[in-house]
Amino acid sequence: MSFFMKSSSRSVHEERRWSAELPTTQSDLCMSLTVWRKSLVMSCNGFTVINSDGNVVYRVETYIGQRPKELVLMDGVGKSILTMRRNKNLRFLDTWFIYGGEIGAHCISTKRSEEQPIFYVKKCINILHNNPNVLAYVYRGRSTDEKYVYMIEGSYSHRSCKVVNEAKKVVAEIKRKDAIIGGVSFGVEVFMLIVEAGFDPGLAMALVLLLDQMFS
């Protein structure tokens, strides 16, 4: 399958202090990304994400047959942007921490501030919730004691999801590609990620990865 991909030395995720909300000078336009549920590395599963110019802007690679405890979102040249780590507490199934950069024992520095989680994502158990459309909640840091900052609703299996903030404003959306480009069916392996102005596309893609773990 060809997406007219180009190699790119630039990332949509610039060097900066990490924040989900971008200054308008950095992100003043809605971003449309094509997400391909396939790694470019033959021995791996994963994702390849292409922007409207045909550049690979995000990559994810996991070994085939592995149910990963950790996922690393990389930019187009392989630099780690965000790390998602499954909660080790078995009471909290399908809950993940999101960290900035790359973490773990293989990292040289073990005392960096980036090793503190920036977000905590919790799968919603519908039988315990009044709204069956809610898939997951996103909290700041490690705790769920405070109100969520983002909520994900819809159906990941149908590739129809919305990420909304506390004000119920849509900040990112997953759509089937054949629902946008008429006459061509891409199935569920290729879909669109629409990121609204002011929301970090790296976090949006990280949430896609966690939905894939929770609902695939």
N, C-alpha and C. Protein backbone atom coordinates (compact mmCIF):
# COMPACT_ATOMS: atom_id res chain seq x y z
N MET A 1 0.86 -1.18 0.00
CA MET A 1 0.00 0.00 0.00
C MET A 1 0.89 1.23 0.00
N SER A 2 0.62 2.15 -0.85
CA SER A 2 1.47 3.32 -0.98
C SER A 2 0.73 4.56 -0.55
N PHE A 3 1.37 5.39 0.28
CA PHE A 3 0.80 6.65 0.71
C PHE A 3 1.65 7.82 0.22
N PHE A 4 2.54 7.57 -0.76
CA PHE A 4 3.41 8.60 -1.27
C PHE A 4 4.21 9.23 -0.12
N MET A 5 4.79 8.35 0.72
CA MET A 5 5.47 8.81 1.91
C MET A 5 6.82 9.39 1.56
N LYS A 6 7.21 10.39 2.31
CA LYS A 6 8.50 11.02 2.15
C LYS A 6 9.26 10.92 3.47
N SER A 7 10.58 10.79 3.39
CA SER A 7 11.36 10.85 4.61
C SER A 7 11.39 12.28 5.08
N SER A 8 11.37 12.46 6.40
CA SER A 8 11.32 13.80 6.94
C SER A 8 12.21 13.90 8.15
N SER A 9 13.00 14.97 8.23
CA SER A 9 13.86 15.18 9.38
C SER A 9 13.18 16.04 10.43
N ARG A 10 11.97 16.53 10.13
CA ARG A 10 11.25 17.37 11.06
C ARG A 10 10.12 16.58 11.69
N SER A 11 9.79 16.94 12.91
CA SER A 11 8.69 16.33 13.62
C SER A 11 7.62 17.36 13.88
N VAL A 12 6.35 16.89 13.90
CA VAL A 12 5.29 17.82 14.25
C VAL A 12 5.33 18.12 15.74
N HIS A 13 6.16 17.37 16.46
CA HIS A 13 6.28 17.57 17.91
C HIS A 13 7.61 18.26 18.17
N GLU A 14 7.61 19.57 18.34
CA GLU A 14 8.82 20.34 18.49
C GLU A 14 9.37 20.21 19.90
N GLU A 15 10.69 20.54 20.06
CA GLU A 15 11.30 20.57 21.37
C GLU A 15 10.68 21.70 22.17
N ARG A 16 10.05 21.36 23.29
CA ARG A 16 9.44 22.37 24.14
C ARG A 16 9.05 21.71 25.45
N ARG A 17 8.71 22.50 26.41
CA ARG A 17 8.16 21.95 27.64
C ARG A 17 6.83 21.31 27.31
N TRP A 18 6.62 20.06 27.74
CA TRP A 18 5.48 19.30 27.25
C TRP A 18 4.18 19.86 27.78
N SER A 19 3.23 20.01 26.89
CA SER A 19 1.88 20.45 27.26
C SER A 19 0.92 19.97 26.19
N ALA A 20 -0.28 19.58 26.62
CA ALA A 20 -1.29 19.14 25.64
C ALA A 20 -1.84 20.31 24.87
N GLU A 21 -1.83 21.49 25.49
CA GLU A 21 -2.39 22.68 24.85
C GLU A 21 -1.25 23.48 24.24
N LEU A 22 -1.23 23.62 22.93
CA LEU A 22 -0.17 24.32 22.23
C LEU A 22 -0.51 25.80 22.07
N PRO A 23 0.53 26.65 22.16
CA PRO A 23 0.28 28.07 21.82
C PRO A 23 -0.19 28.17 20.38
N THR A 24 -1.03 29.12 20.08
CA THR A 24 -1.58 29.23 18.73
C THR A 24 -0.51 29.53 17.70
N THR A 25 0.62 30.07 18.13
CA THR A 25 1.71 30.34 17.18
C THR A 25 2.34 29.06 16.69
N GLN A 26 2.21 27.97 17.48
CA GLN A 26 2.77 26.68 17.09
C GLN A 26 1.76 25.81 16.37
N SER A 27 0.49 26.00 16.64
CA SER A 27 -0.52 25.13 16.04
C SER A 27 -1.78 25.95 15.81
N ASP A 28 -1.86 26.66 14.69
CA ASP A 28 -2.99 27.53 14.44
C ASP A 28 -3.94 26.97 13.40
N LEU A 29 -3.71 25.73 12.94
CA LEU A 29 -4.57 25.12 11.95
C LEU A 29 -4.93 23.70 12.37
N CYS A 30 -6.11 23.27 11.95
CA CYS A 30 -6.51 21.88 12.15
C CYS A 30 -5.57 20.97 11.37
N MET A 31 -5.15 19.85 11.98
CA MET A 31 -4.22 18.93 11.34
C MET A 31 -4.92 17.63 11.00
N SER A 32 -4.73 17.16 9.78
CA SER A 32 -5.32 15.91 9.32
C SER A 32 -4.20 14.90 9.08
N LEU A 33 -4.23 13.79 9.81
CA LEU A 33 -3.20 12.75 9.70
C LEU A 33 -3.82 11.45 9.23
N THR A 34 -3.10 10.73 8.38
CA THR A 34 -3.51 9.39 7.97
C THR A 34 -2.79 8.38 8.83
N VAL A 35 -3.55 7.53 9.51
CA VAL A 35 -2.98 6.53 10.40
C VAL A 35 -3.08 5.17 9.74
N TRP A 36 -1.95 4.53 9.56
CA TRP A 36 -1.87 3.20 8.97
C TRP A 36 -1.50 2.22 10.07
N ARG A 37 -2.34 1.26 10.32
CA ARG A 37 -2.12 0.30 11.41
C ARG A 37 -1.14 -0.78 10.96
N LYS A 38 0.06 -0.33 10.66
CA LYS A 38 1.10 -1.23 10.18
C LYS A 38 2.46 -0.57 10.40
N SER A 39 3.42 -1.36 10.86
CA SER A 39 4.79 -0.86 11.02
C SER A 39 5.54 -0.98 9.70
N LEU A 40 6.48 -0.07 9.47
CA LEU A 40 7.34 -0.16 8.30
C LEU A 40 8.48 -1.15 8.50
N VAL A 41 8.62 -1.66 9.73
CA VAL A 41 9.63 -2.69 10.02
C VAL A 41 8.97 -4.06 9.88
N MET A 42 9.54 -4.91 9.06
CA MET A 42 8.91 -6.18 8.69
C MET A 42 8.61 -7.08 9.88
N SER A 43 9.48 -7.10 10.90
CA SER A 43 9.33 -8.03 12.02
C SER A 43 8.47 -7.46 13.15
N CYS A 44 7.82 -6.34 12.92
CA CYS A 44 7.09 -5.67 13.99
C CYS A 44 5.65 -5.36 13.60
N ASN A 45 4.80 -5.31 14.63
CA ASN A 45 3.50 -4.68 14.49
C ASN A 45 3.68 -3.20 14.80
N GLY A 46 2.66 -2.41 14.55
CA GLY A 46 2.78 -1.01 14.92
C GLY A 46 1.91 -0.11 14.10
N PHE A 47 2.29 1.16 14.07
CA PHE A 47 1.55 2.19 13.37
C PHE A 47 2.52 3.08 12.59
N THR A 48 2.04 3.58 11.47
CA THR A 48 2.76 4.59 10.69
C THR A 48 1.78 5.72 10.43
N VAL A 49 2.21 6.94 10.73
CA VAL A 49 1.32 8.10 10.63
C VAL A 49 1.91 9.08 9.63
N ILE A 50 1.09 9.50 8.67
CA ILE A 50 1.55 10.36 7.57
C ILE A 50 0.75 11.65 7.57
N ASN A 51 1.43 12.77 7.34
CA ASN A 51 0.72 14.05 7.28
C ASN A 51 0.23 14.34 5.87
N SER A 52 -0.35 15.49 5.67
CA SER A 52 -0.96 15.82 4.37
C SER A 52 0.08 16.04 3.28
N ASP A 53 1.35 16.23 3.67
CA ASP A 53 2.42 16.38 2.68
C ASP A 53 3.06 15.04 2.30
N GLY A 54 2.58 13.95 2.91
CA GLY A 54 3.13 12.63 2.62
C GLY A 54 4.33 12.27 3.47
N ASN A 55 4.62 13.05 4.49
CA ASN A 55 5.76 12.76 5.37
C ASN A 55 5.35 11.86 6.53
N VAL A 56 6.21 10.91 6.88
CA VAL A 56 6.00 10.11 8.08
C VAL A 56 6.32 10.98 9.28
N VAL A 57 5.33 11.22 10.12
CA VAL A 57 5.53 12.10 11.27
C VAL A 57 5.53 11.34 12.59
N TYR A 58 4.92 10.15 12.63
CA TYR A 58 4.92 9.32 13.83
C TYR A 58 5.10 7.86 13.45
N ARG A 59 5.77 7.11 14.34
CA ARG A 59 5.96 5.67 14.15
C ARG A 59 5.82 4.97 15.50
N VAL A 60 5.31 3.75 15.44
CA VAL A 60 5.25 2.88 16.62
C VAL A 60 5.60 1.49 16.17
N GLU A 61 6.49 0.82 16.91
CA GLU A 61 6.93 -0.53 16.53
C GLU A 61 6.92 -1.43 17.74
N THR A 62 6.22 -2.56 17.65
CA THR A 62 6.21 -3.58 18.70
C THR A 62 6.43 -4.93 18.05
N TYR A 63 7.05 -5.84 18.80
CA TYR A 63 7.33 -7.16 18.23
C TYR A 63 6.04 -7.94 18.02
N ILE A 64 5.98 -8.68 16.91
CA ILE A 64 4.80 -9.47 16.56
C ILE A 64 4.53 -10.51 17.64
N GLY A 65 3.25 -10.64 18.01
CA GLY A 65 2.85 -11.63 19.01
C GLY A 65 2.98 -11.14 20.43
N GLN A 66 3.48 -9.93 20.63
CA GLN A 66 3.70 -9.40 21.96
C GLN A 66 2.53 -8.52 22.40
N ARG A 67 2.05 -8.73 23.62
CA ARG A 67 1.07 -7.82 24.22
C ARG A 67 1.87 -6.84 25.06
N PRO A 68 2.19 -5.69 24.52
CA PRO A 68 3.19 -4.83 25.15
C PRO A 68 2.73 -4.25 26.48
N LYS A 69 3.69 -4.14 27.40
CA LYS A 69 3.46 -3.42 28.64
C LYS A 69 3.87 -1.96 28.50
N GLU A 70 4.58 -1.69 27.41
CA GLU A 70 5.05 -0.33 27.17
C GLU A 70 5.03 -0.04 25.68
N LEU A 71 4.59 1.15 25.31
CA LEU A 71 4.58 1.60 23.92
C LEU A 71 5.34 2.91 23.84
N VAL A 72 6.11 3.07 22.77
CA VAL A 72 6.87 4.30 22.58
C VAL A 72 6.44 4.93 21.27
N LEU A 73 5.95 6.16 21.35
CA LEU A 73 5.60 6.92 20.17
C LEU A 73 6.83 7.70 19.71
N MET A 74 7.25 7.47 18.47
CA MET A 74 8.43 8.12 17.91
C MET A 74 8.02 9.07 16.80
N ASP A 75 8.90 10.03 16.52
CA ASP A 75 8.66 10.89 15.37
C ASP A 75 9.12 10.18 14.11
N GLY A 76 9.11 10.87 12.98
CA GLY A 76 9.42 10.23 11.72
C GLY A 76 10.84 9.71 11.58
N VAL A 77 11.77 10.24 12.38
CA VAL A 77 13.16 9.81 12.30
C VAL A 77 13.55 8.90 13.46
N GLY A 78 12.57 8.52 14.29
CA GLY A 78 12.82 7.55 15.34
C GLY A 78 13.11 8.11 16.71
N LYS A 79 12.93 9.40 16.91
CA LYS A 79 13.15 10.00 18.23
C LYS A 79 11.91 9.81 19.09
N SER A 80 12.12 9.34 20.32
CA SER A 80 11.00 9.07 21.22
C SER A 80 10.34 10.37 21.67
N ILE A 81 9.01 10.40 21.60
CA ILE A 81 8.23 11.58 21.99
C ILE A 81 7.47 11.32 23.28
N LEU A 82 6.72 10.23 23.30
CA LEU A 82 5.93 9.85 24.47
C LEU A 82 6.06 8.36 24.72
N THR A 83 6.03 7.99 25.98
CA THR A 83 6.03 6.58 26.36
C THR A 83 4.75 6.28 27.14
N MET A 84 4.09 5.21 26.77
CA MET A 84 2.88 4.76 27.46
C MET A 84 3.18 3.46 28.18
N ARG A 85 2.93 3.43 29.47
CA ARG A 85 3.25 2.25 30.28
C ARG A 85 2.00 1.75 30.98
N ARG A 86 1.75 0.45 30.84
CA ARG A 86 0.57 -0.17 31.45
C ARG A 86 0.71 -0.15 32.97
N ASN A 87 -0.37 0.15 33.67
CA ASN A 87 -0.39 0.14 35.13
C ASN A 87 -0.13 -1.29 35.63
N LYS A 88 0.83 -1.45 36.52
CA LYS A 88 1.19 -2.78 37.02
C LYS A 88 0.18 -3.31 38.04
N ASN A 89 -0.63 -2.43 38.59
CA ASN A 89 -1.62 -2.85 39.58
C ASN A 89 -2.74 -3.61 38.88
N LEU A 90 -2.87 -4.89 39.16
CA LEU A 90 -3.84 -5.73 38.46
C LEU A 90 -5.28 -5.35 38.74
N ARG A 91 -5.52 -4.56 39.79
CA ARG A 91 -6.88 -4.12 40.07
C ARG A 91 -7.36 -3.11 39.04
N PHE A 92 -6.40 -2.47 38.35
CA PHE A 92 -6.76 -1.44 37.39
C PHE A 92 -6.42 -1.92 35.98
N LEU A 93 -7.26 -2.80 35.46
CA LEU A 93 -7.03 -3.33 34.13
C LEU A 93 -7.22 -2.26 33.08
N ASP A 94 -6.37 -2.31 32.05
CA ASP A 94 -6.46 -1.35 30.94
C ASP A 94 -6.39 0.09 31.41
N THR A 95 -5.43 0.36 32.26
CA THR A 95 -5.10 1.73 32.64
C THR A 95 -3.63 1.96 32.33
N TRP A 96 -3.33 3.15 31.84
CA TRP A 96 -1.99 3.44 31.34
C TRP A 96 -1.52 4.79 31.84
N PHE A 97 -0.18 4.90 32.04
CA PHE A 97 0.47 6.17 32.31
C PHE A 97 1.14 6.65 31.03
N ILE A 98 1.09 7.96 30.80
CA ILE A 98 1.78 8.56 29.66
C ILE A 98 2.90 9.45 30.19
N TYR A 99 4.11 9.21 29.69
CA TYR A 99 5.29 9.95 30.10
C TYR A 99 5.86 10.72 28.91
N GLY A 100 6.56 11.79 29.21
CA GLY A 100 7.25 12.53 28.15
C GLY A 100 8.55 11.86 27.80
N GLY A 101 8.87 11.75 26.51
CA GLY A 101 10.13 11.16 26.07
C GLY A 101 10.15 9.65 26.23
N GLU A 102 11.33 9.11 26.51
CA GLU A 102 11.51 7.67 26.68
C GLU A 102 11.97 7.41 28.09
N ILE A 103 11.42 6.38 28.72
CA ILE A 103 11.76 6.06 30.10
C ILE A 103 12.16 4.60 30.19
N GLY A 104 12.59 4.20 31.39
CA GLY A 104 12.91 2.79 31.60
C GLY A 104 14.35 2.60 32.02
N ALA A 105 14.67 1.35 32.37
CA ALA A 105 16.00 1.04 32.86
C ALA A 105 17.07 1.23 31.81
N HIS A 106 16.67 1.20 30.52
CA HIS A 106 17.64 1.34 29.45
C HIS A 106 18.03 2.79 29.22
N CYS A 107 17.34 3.75 29.91
CA CYS A 107 17.67 5.15 29.74
C CYS A 107 18.87 5.50 30.61
N ILE A 108 19.70 6.40 30.14
CA ILE A 108 20.89 6.79 30.87
C ILE A 108 20.51 7.53 32.15
N SER A 109 19.58 8.48 32.04
CA SER A 109 19.17 9.26 33.21
C SER A 109 17.91 8.66 33.80
N THR A 110 17.93 8.44 35.13
CA THR A 110 16.77 7.87 35.80
C THR A 110 16.11 8.87 36.75
N LYS A 111 16.57 10.11 36.75
CA LYS A 111 16.03 11.10 37.67
C LYS A 111 15.46 12.30 36.94
N ARG A 112 15.13 12.13 35.68
CA ARG A 112 14.60 13.24 34.91
C ARG A 112 13.15 13.50 35.28
N SER A 113 12.75 14.76 35.20
CA SER A 113 11.37 15.10 35.53
C SER A 113 10.40 14.44 34.57
N GLU A 114 10.88 14.10 33.35
CA GLU A 114 10.00 13.47 32.38
C GLU A 114 9.53 12.09 32.83
N GLU A 115 10.20 11.51 33.87
CA GLU A 115 9.80 10.18 34.31
C GLU A 115 8.57 10.22 35.20
N GLN A 116 8.09 11.39 35.55
CA GLN A 116 6.81 11.52 36.22
C GLN A 116 5.72 11.52 35.15
N PRO A 117 4.68 10.73 35.34
CA PRO A 117 3.63 10.68 34.30
C PRO A 117 2.96 12.02 34.12
N ILE A 118 2.67 12.35 32.88
CA ILE A 118 1.98 13.60 32.59
C ILE A 118 0.48 13.38 32.45
N PHE A 119 0.11 12.15 32.09
CA PHE A 119 -1.32 11.81 32.00
C PHE A 119 -1.54 10.37 32.45
N TYR A 120 -2.76 10.12 32.87
CA TYR A 120 -3.20 8.79 33.29
C TYR A 120 -4.49 8.49 32.53
N VAL A 121 -4.53 7.39 31.80
CA VAL A 121 -5.68 7.07 30.95
C VAL A 121 -6.36 5.81 31.49
N LYS A 122 -7.64 5.91 31.73
CA LYS A 122 -8.40 4.84 32.36
C LYS A 122 -9.55 4.41 31.46
N LYS A 123 -9.60 3.13 31.15
CA LYS A 123 -10.71 2.60 30.36
C LYS A 123 -12.00 2.67 31.15
N CYS A 124 -13.08 3.04 30.48
CA CYS A 124 -14.38 3.13 31.12
C CYS A 124 -15.09 1.78 31.05
N ILE A 125 -15.57 1.31 32.19
CA ILE A 125 -16.36 0.08 32.24
C ILE A 125 -17.82 0.47 32.10
N ASN A 126 -18.40 0.17 30.96
CA ASN A 126 -19.73 0.70 30.63
C ASN A 126 -20.83 0.24 31.57
N ILE A 127 -20.69 -0.95 32.14
CA ILE A 127 -21.74 -1.44 33.03
C ILE A 127 -21.79 -0.62 34.32
N LEU A 128 -20.72 0.13 34.59
CA LEU A 128 -20.68 0.96 35.79
C LEU A 128 -20.91 2.44 35.46
N HIS A 129 -21.29 2.71 34.21
CA HIS A 129 -21.37 4.09 33.77
C HIS A 129 -22.70 4.35 33.09
N ASN A 130 -23.23 5.55 33.28
CA ASN A 130 -24.52 5.89 32.70
C ASN A 130 -24.47 6.14 31.21
N ASN A 131 -23.28 6.51 30.70
CA ASN A 131 -23.14 6.82 29.28
C ASN A 131 -22.35 5.72 28.58
N PRO A 132 -23.00 4.84 27.81
CA PRO A 132 -22.30 3.72 27.17
C PRO A 132 -21.36 4.15 26.06
N ASN A 133 -21.43 5.41 25.63
CA ASN A 133 -20.56 5.87 24.55
C ASN A 133 -19.16 6.26 25.03
N VAL A 134 -18.98 6.37 26.34
CA VAL A 134 -17.69 6.77 26.88
C VAL A 134 -16.72 5.59 26.85
N LEU A 135 -15.55 5.80 26.24
CA LEU A 135 -14.54 4.74 26.14
C LEU A 135 -13.47 4.86 27.21
N ALA A 136 -13.03 6.08 27.50
CA ALA A 136 -11.94 6.25 28.45
C ALA A 136 -11.91 7.68 28.96
N TYR A 137 -11.25 7.84 30.10
CA TYR A 137 -11.02 9.16 30.69
C TYR A 137 -9.53 9.42 30.78
N VAL A 138 -9.15 10.69 30.61
CA VAL A 138 -7.75 11.09 30.70
C VAL A 138 -7.62 12.07 31.86
N TYR A 139 -6.70 11.75 32.79
CA TYR A 139 -6.45 12.59 33.95
C TYR A 139 -5.02 13.12 33.89
N ARG A 140 -4.79 14.24 34.56
CA ARG A 140 -3.43 14.74 34.65
C ARG A 140 -2.64 13.96 35.70
N GLY A 141 -1.37 13.71 35.40
CA GLY A 141 -0.50 13.07 36.38
C GLY A 141 -0.87 11.63 36.65
N ARG A 142 -0.78 11.24 37.91
CA ARG A 142 -0.94 9.84 38.30
C ARG A 142 -2.29 9.54 38.94
N SER A 143 -2.98 10.54 39.39
CA SER A 143 -4.16 10.32 40.22
C SER A 143 -5.44 10.52 39.43
N THR A 144 -6.49 9.78 39.86
CA THR A 144 -7.83 9.98 39.31
C THR A 144 -8.74 10.68 40.31
N ASP A 145 -8.13 11.27 41.38
CA ASP A 145 -8.92 11.93 42.40
C ASP A 145 -9.58 13.19 41.87
N GLU A 146 -8.90 13.86 40.92
CA GLU A 146 -9.44 15.08 40.36
C GLU A 146 -10.30 14.74 39.14
N LYS A 147 -11.05 15.73 38.68
CA LYS A 147 -11.90 15.54 37.52
C LYS A 147 -11.04 15.31 36.27
N TYR A 148 -11.54 14.50 35.36
CA TYR A 148 -10.81 14.23 34.13
C TYR A 148 -10.61 15.52 33.34
N VAL A 149 -9.54 15.52 32.51
CA VAL A 149 -9.29 16.68 31.65
C VAL A 149 -9.74 16.42 30.21
N TYR A 150 -9.80 15.13 29.84
CA TYR A 150 -10.31 14.76 28.51
C TYR A 150 -11.13 13.48 28.65
N MET A 151 -12.12 13.36 27.79
CA MET A 151 -12.95 12.17 27.74
C MET A 151 -13.00 11.69 26.29
N ILE A 152 -12.93 10.38 26.11
CA ILE A 152 -12.97 9.79 24.77
C ILE A 152 -14.28 9.04 24.64
N GLU A 153 -15.03 9.33 23.59
CA GLU A 153 -16.33 8.69 23.39
C GLU A 153 -16.48 8.22 21.95
N GLY A 154 -17.35 7.26 21.75
CA GLY A 154 -17.60 6.75 20.40
C GLY A 154 -17.35 5.26 20.31
N SER A 155 -16.83 4.82 19.17
CA SER A 155 -16.56 3.40 18.92
C SER A 155 -15.23 3.26 18.20
N TYR A 156 -14.22 2.72 18.90
CA TYR A 156 -12.93 2.55 18.23
C TYR A 156 -13.00 1.46 17.17
N SER A 157 -13.77 0.41 17.42
CA SER A 157 -13.85 -0.68 16.44
C SER A 157 -14.42 -0.19 15.11
N HIS A 158 -15.24 0.85 15.15
CA HIS A 158 -15.79 1.44 13.93
C HIS A 158 -14.98 2.66 13.48
N ARG A 159 -13.89 2.95 14.21
CA ARG A 159 -13.03 4.10 13.92
C ARG A 159 -13.86 5.39 13.87
N SER A 160 -14.63 5.57 14.92
CA SER A 160 -15.47 6.76 15.04
C SER A 160 -15.43 7.21 16.50
N CYS A 161 -14.46 8.06 16.83
CA CYS A 161 -14.26 8.50 18.21
C CYS A 161 -13.99 9.99 18.26
N LYS A 162 -14.33 10.57 19.41
CA LYS A 162 -14.04 11.98 19.65
C LYS A 162 -13.35 12.11 21.01
N VAL A 163 -12.35 12.99 21.06
CA VAL A 163 -11.73 13.38 22.32
C VAL A 163 -12.26 14.76 22.65
N VAL A 164 -12.89 14.90 23.82
CA VAL A 164 -13.46 16.19 24.21
C VAL A 164 -12.81 16.64 25.51
N ASN A 165 -12.71 17.95 25.68
CA ASN A 165 -12.13 18.48 26.91
C ASN A 165 -13.21 18.70 27.95
N GLU A 166 -12.84 19.36 29.05
CA GLU A 166 -13.80 19.55 30.15
C GLU A 166 -14.99 20.40 29.74
N ALA A 167 -14.78 21.26 28.74
CA ALA A 167 -15.87 22.11 28.26
C ALA A 167 -16.69 21.43 27.17
N LYS A 168 -16.45 20.13 26.94
CA LYS A 168 -17.14 19.33 25.92
C LYS A 168 -16.80 19.75 24.50
N LYS A 169 -15.70 20.45 24.34
CA LYS A 169 -15.24 20.84 23.01
C LYS A 169 -14.41 19.71 22.41
N VAL A 170 -14.66 19.37 21.15
CA VAL A 170 -13.90 18.33 20.47
C VAL A 170 -12.50 18.84 20.15
N VAL A 171 -11.47 18.13 20.63
CA VAL A 171 -10.08 18.52 20.37
C VAL A 171 -9.39 17.58 19.39
N ALA A 172 -9.94 16.37 19.23
CA ALA A 172 -9.39 15.42 18.27
C ALA A 172 -10.47 14.42 17.91
N GLU A 173 -10.35 13.84 16.70
CA GLU A 173 -11.40 12.93 16.23
C GLU A 173 -10.80 11.85 15.34
N ILE A 174 -11.27 10.64 15.53
CA ILE A 174 -10.90 9.51 14.67
C ILE A 174 -12.05 9.25 13.72
N LYS A 175 -11.74 9.17 12.41
CA LYS A 175 -12.76 8.92 11.40
C LYS A 175 -12.27 7.87 10.41
N ARG A 176 -13.21 7.09 9.91
CA ARG A 176 -12.86 6.16 8.83
C ARG A 176 -12.45 6.96 7.60
N LYS A 177 -11.42 6.50 6.94
CA LYS A 177 -10.93 7.23 5.77
C LYS A 177 -11.92 7.16 4.62
N ASP A 178 -12.61 6.03 4.46
CA ASP A 178 -13.56 5.93 3.35
C ASP A 178 -14.82 6.75 3.61
N ALA A 179 -14.96 7.27 4.86
CA ALA A 179 -16.08 8.16 5.12
C ALA A 179 -15.74 9.58 4.69
N ILE A 180 -14.48 9.82 4.42
CA ILE A 180 -14.03 11.15 4.01
C ILE A 180 -13.78 11.20 2.52
N ILE A 181 -13.18 10.15 1.99
CA ILE A 181 -12.88 10.09 0.56
C ILE A 181 -13.84 9.10 -0.08
N GLY A 182 -14.85 9.57 -0.75
CA GLY A 182 -15.90 8.71 -1.29
C GLY A 182 -15.41 7.77 -2.37
N GLY A 183 -16.00 6.59 -2.40
CA GLY A 183 -15.71 5.63 -3.46
C GLY A 183 -14.53 4.72 -3.19
N VAL A 184 -13.78 4.95 -2.11
CA VAL A 184 -12.62 4.11 -1.79
C VAL A 184 -12.79 3.57 -0.38
N SER A 185 -12.67 2.26 -0.21
CA SER A 185 -12.80 1.65 1.10
C SER A 185 -11.43 1.22 1.60
N PHE A 186 -11.04 1.72 2.76
CA PHE A 186 -9.76 1.36 3.36
C PHE A 186 -9.93 0.41 4.54
N GLY A 187 -11.16 0.05 4.88
CA GLY A 187 -11.38 -0.80 6.04
C GLY A 187 -11.03 -0.06 7.33
N VAL A 188 -10.62 -0.82 8.35
CA VAL A 188 -10.29 -0.20 9.64
C VAL A 188 -8.78 -0.11 9.85
N GLU A 189 -7.99 -0.60 8.92
CA GLU A 189 -6.54 -0.56 9.08
C GLU A 189 -5.95 0.79 8.71
N VAL A 190 -6.68 1.57 7.94
CA VAL A 190 -6.25 2.92 7.57
C VAL A 190 -7.39 3.87 7.93
N PHE A 191 -7.08 4.89 8.73
CA PHE A 191 -8.12 5.83 9.14
C PHE A 191 -7.51 7.20 9.34
N MET A 192 -8.37 8.17 9.62
CA MET A 192 -7.93 9.55 9.77
C MET A 192 -7.93 9.96 11.24
N LEU A 193 -6.94 10.76 11.59
CA LEU A 193 -6.90 11.40 12.90
C LEU A 193 -6.91 12.91 12.67
N ILE A 194 -8.00 13.54 13.06
CA ILE A 194 -8.17 14.98 12.88
C ILE A 194 -7.88 15.66 14.22
N VAL A 195 -6.88 16.53 14.24
CA VAL A 195 -6.47 17.21 15.47
C VAL A 195 -6.79 18.69 15.33
N GLU A 196 -7.60 19.18 16.25
CA GLU A 196 -8.01 20.58 16.20
C GLU A 196 -6.87 21.50 16.62
N ALA A 197 -6.94 22.74 16.16
CA ALA A 197 -5.92 23.74 16.49
C ALA A 197 -5.79 23.89 18.00
N GLY A 198 -4.57 23.93 18.49
CA GLY A 198 -4.32 24.12 19.91
C GLY A 198 -4.16 22.85 20.71
N PHE A 199 -4.43 21.68 20.10
CA PHE A 199 -4.26 20.41 20.81
C PHE A 199 -3.04 19.68 20.27
N ASP A 200 -2.29 19.04 21.16
CA ASP A 200 -1.05 18.42 20.75
C ASP A 200 -1.30 17.14 19.94
N PRO A 201 -0.81 17.06 18.70
CA PRO A 201 -1.03 15.86 17.88
C PRO A 201 -0.33 14.63 18.44
N GLY A 202 0.77 14.83 19.18
CA GLY A 202 1.44 13.69 19.79
C GLY A 202 0.57 13.02 20.83
N LEU A 203 -0.08 13.81 21.67
CA LEU A 203 -1.00 13.24 22.65
C LEU A 203 -2.18 12.59 21.96
N ALA A 204 -2.70 13.21 20.91
CA ALA A 204 -3.82 12.62 20.16
C ALA A 204 -3.45 11.24 19.65
N MET A 205 -2.24 11.10 19.09
CA MET A 205 -1.82 9.80 18.58
C MET A 205 -1.58 8.81 19.72
N ALA A 206 -1.08 9.28 20.85
CA ALA A 206 -0.90 8.40 22.00
C ALA A 206 -2.24 7.83 22.46
N LEU A 207 -3.28 8.64 22.43
CA LEU A 207 -4.61 8.16 22.82
C LEU A 207 -5.13 7.13 21.82
N VAL A 208 -4.80 7.29 20.54
CA VAL A 208 -5.17 6.28 19.54
C VAL A 208 -4.51 4.95 19.89
N LEU A 209 -3.23 4.99 20.25
CA LEU A 209 -2.52 3.76 20.59
C LEU A 209 -3.15 3.05 21.79
N LEU A 210 -3.55 3.83 22.77
CA LEU A 210 -4.15 3.22 23.97
C LEU A 210 -5.55 2.69 23.68
N LEU A 211 -6.30 3.37 22.85
CA LEU A 211 -7.60 2.81 22.44
C LEU A 211 -7.41 1.49 21.70
N ASP A 212 -6.38 1.41 20.90
CA ASP A 212 -6.11 0.17 20.17
C ASP A 212 -5.78 -0.97 21.13
N GLN A 213 -5.06 -0.66 22.21
CA GLN A 213 -4.75 -1.68 23.22
C GLN A 213 -5.98 -2.09 24.00
N MET A 214 -6.84 -1.14 24.27
CA MET A 214 -8.01 -1.41 25.11
C MET A 214 -9.14 -2.10 24.36
N PHE A 215 -9.29 -1.82 23.05
CA PHE A 215 -10.49 -2.26 22.35
C PHE A 215 -10.23 -3.10 21.11
N SER A 216 -9.01 -3.53 20.87
CA SER A 216 -8.72 -4.38 19.71
C SER A 216 -8.56 -5.83 20.15
